[in-house]
Amino acid sequence: MLLQAALGLQIDAPGRKLYFKHPALPEWFGDLSIRGLRVGDAKLDLDVRRHHRDVEINVLGREGEVRVVVIK
């Protein structure tokens, strides 16, 4: 739940969208891998990497139709 809040993670399963609204990670937190995240009937593999003043989100794998939206 804390990680979900830090990343601004919101899932819209009916709309087939995954939102990251103003994502941020604490300084002590480096990289994060998310595997097999379900959004409706789709599935995503993501890498999240913290940079000095930014968070990078990469989609490594996608099964099904789902859109990843990052709002900075």
C-alpha atoms as a PDB file:
ATOM      1  CA  MET A   1       0.000   0.000   0.000  1.00  0.00           C
ATOM      2  CA  LEU A   2       2.856   2.411   0.785  1.00  0.00           C
ATOM      3  CA  LEU A   3       4.530   1.591  -2.519  1.00  0.00           C
ATOM      4  CA  GLN A   4       1.245   2.057  -4.365  1.00  0.00           C
ATOM      5  CA  ALA A   5       0.882   5.533  -2.843  1.00  0.00           C
ATOM      6  CA  ALA A   6       4.507   6.528  -3.601  1.00  0.00           C
ATOM      7  CA  LEU A   7       4.142   5.527  -7.245  1.00  0.00           C
ATOM      8  CA  GLY A   8       0.673   7.043  -7.584  1.00  0.00           C
ATOM      9  CA  LEU A   9      -0.423   3.648  -8.910  1.00  0.00           C
ATOM     10  CA  GLN A  10      -4.057   3.422 -10.018  1.00  0.00           C
ATOM     11  CA  ILE A  11      -5.554   0.553 -11.989  1.00  0.00           C
ATOM     12  CA  ASP A  12      -8.507   1.031 -14.331  1.00  0.00           C
ATOM     13  CA  ALA A  13      -9.250  -2.595 -15.257  1.00  0.00           C
ATOM     14  CA  PRO A  14     -12.420  -1.914 -17.314  1.00  0.00           C
ATOM     15  CA  GLY A  15     -10.612   0.861 -19.219  1.00  0.00           C
ATOM     16  CA  ARG A  16      -7.489  -1.320 -19.599  1.00  0.00           C
ATOM     17  CA  LYS A  17      -5.205   1.381 -18.193  1.00  0.00           C
ATOM     18  CA  LEU A  18      -2.522   1.506 -15.533  1.00  0.00           C
ATOM     19  CA  TYR A  19      -1.749   4.986 -14.187  1.00  0.00           C
ATOM     20  CA  PHE A  20       1.358   6.262 -12.429  1.00  0.00           C
ATOM     21  CA  LYS A  21       0.440   9.731 -11.158  1.00  0.00           C
ATOM     22  CA  HIS A  22       3.458  11.783 -10.026  1.00  0.00           C
ATOM     23  CA  PRO A  23       5.564   8.699  -9.209  1.00  0.00           C
ATOM     24  CA  ALA A  24       8.316   9.066  -6.616  1.00  0.00           C
ATOM     25  CA  LEU A  25      10.520   6.739  -4.590  1.00  0.00           C
ATOM     26  CA  PRO A  26      12.476   7.444  -1.398  1.00  0.00           C
ATOM     27  CA  GLU A  27      16.211   8.099  -1.721  1.00  0.00           C
ATOM     28  CA  TRP A  28      17.082   4.764  -0.108  1.00  0.00           C
ATOM     29  CA  PHE A  29      14.952   2.887  -2.649  1.00  0.00           C
ATOM     30  CA  GLY A  30      16.767   2.037  -5.890  1.00  0.00           C
ATOM     31  CA  ASP A  31      15.103  -0.269  -8.387  1.00  0.00           C
ATOM     32  CA  LEU A  32      11.866  -2.207  -8.362  1.00  0.00           C
ATOM     33  CA  SER A  33      10.678  -5.058 -10.576  1.00  0.00           C
ATOM     34  CA  ILE A  34       6.976  -5.807 -10.897  1.00  0.00           C
ATOM     35  CA  ARG A  35       6.167  -9.078 -12.647  1.00  0.00           C
ATOM     36  CA  GLY A  36       2.785 -10.430 -13.672  1.00  0.00           C
ATOM     37  CA  LEU A  37       0.736  -7.368 -12.678  1.00  0.00           C
ATOM     38  CA  ARG A  38      -2.822  -7.995 -13.819  1.00  0.00           C
ATOM     39  CA  VAL A  39      -4.952  -5.236 -15.298  1.00  0.00           C
ATOM     40  CA  GLY A  40      -8.254  -6.823 -16.252  1.00  0.00           C
ATOM     41  CA  ASP A  41      -7.383  -9.796 -18.438  1.00  0.00           C
ATOM     42  CA  ALA A  42      -3.987  -8.328 -19.415  1.00  0.00           C
ATOM     43  CA  LYS A  43      -0.639  -8.800 -17.670  1.00  0.00           C
ATOM     44  CA  LEU A  44       2.424  -6.534 -17.384  1.00  0.00           C
ATOM     45  CA  ASP A  45       6.075  -6.844 -16.398  1.00  0.00           C
ATOM     46  CA  LEU A  46       7.569  -3.510 -15.322  1.00  0.00           C
ATOM     47  CA  ASP A  47      10.878  -2.129 -14.095  1.00  0.00           C
ATOM     48  CA  VAL A  48      10.840   1.017 -11.983  1.00  0.00           C
ATOM     49  CA  ARG A  49      14.112   2.861 -11.431  1.00  0.00           C
ATOM     50  CA  ARG A  50      14.727   5.875  -9.242  1.00  0.00           C
ATOM     51  CA  HIS A  51      16.937   8.651 -10.560  1.00  0.00           C
ATOM     52  CA  HIS A  52      18.085  11.780  -8.762  1.00  0.00           C
ATOM     53  CA  ARG A  53      14.917  13.775  -9.459  1.00  0.00           C
ATOM     54  CA  ASP A  54      12.817  11.379 -11.473  1.00  0.00           C
ATOM     55  CA  VAL A  55      11.387   7.875 -11.700  1.00  0.00           C
ATOM     56  CA  GLU A  56      11.752   5.834 -14.873  1.00  0.00           C
ATOM     57  CA  ILE A  57       9.114   3.209 -15.711  1.00  0.00           C
ATOM     58  CA  ASN A  58       9.839   0.626 -18.399  1.00  0.00           C
ATOM     59  CA  VAL A  59       7.409  -1.938 -19.748  1.00  0.00           C
ATOM     60  CA  LEU A  60       9.393  -5.147 -20.237  1.00  0.00           C
ATOM     61  CA  GLY A  61       6.530  -7.405 -21.195  1.00  0.00           C
ATOM     62  CA  ARG A  62       2.856  -7.120 -22.010  1.00  0.00           C
ATOM     63  CA  GLU A  63       0.220  -9.782 -22.584  1.00  0.00           C
ATOM     64  CA  GLY A  64      -3.126  -8.510 -23.753  1.00  0.00           C
ATOM     65  CA  GLU A  65      -4.326  -4.990 -24.335  1.00  0.00           C
ATOM     66  CA  VAL A  66      -3.389  -2.504 -21.611  1.00  0.00           C
ATOM     67  CA  ARG A  67      -2.064   1.053 -21.701  1.00  0.00           C
ATOM     68  CA  VAL A  68       0.466   2.445 -19.218  1.00  0.00           C
ATOM     69  CA  VAL A  69       0.043   6.158 -18.515  1.00  0.00           C
ATOM     70  CA  VAL A  70       2.652   8.158 -16.590  1.00  0.00           C
ATOM     71  CA  ILE A  71       1.624  11.614 -15.383  1.00  0.00           C
ATOM     72  CA  LYS A  72       4.584  13.643 -14.092  1.00  0.00           C
END
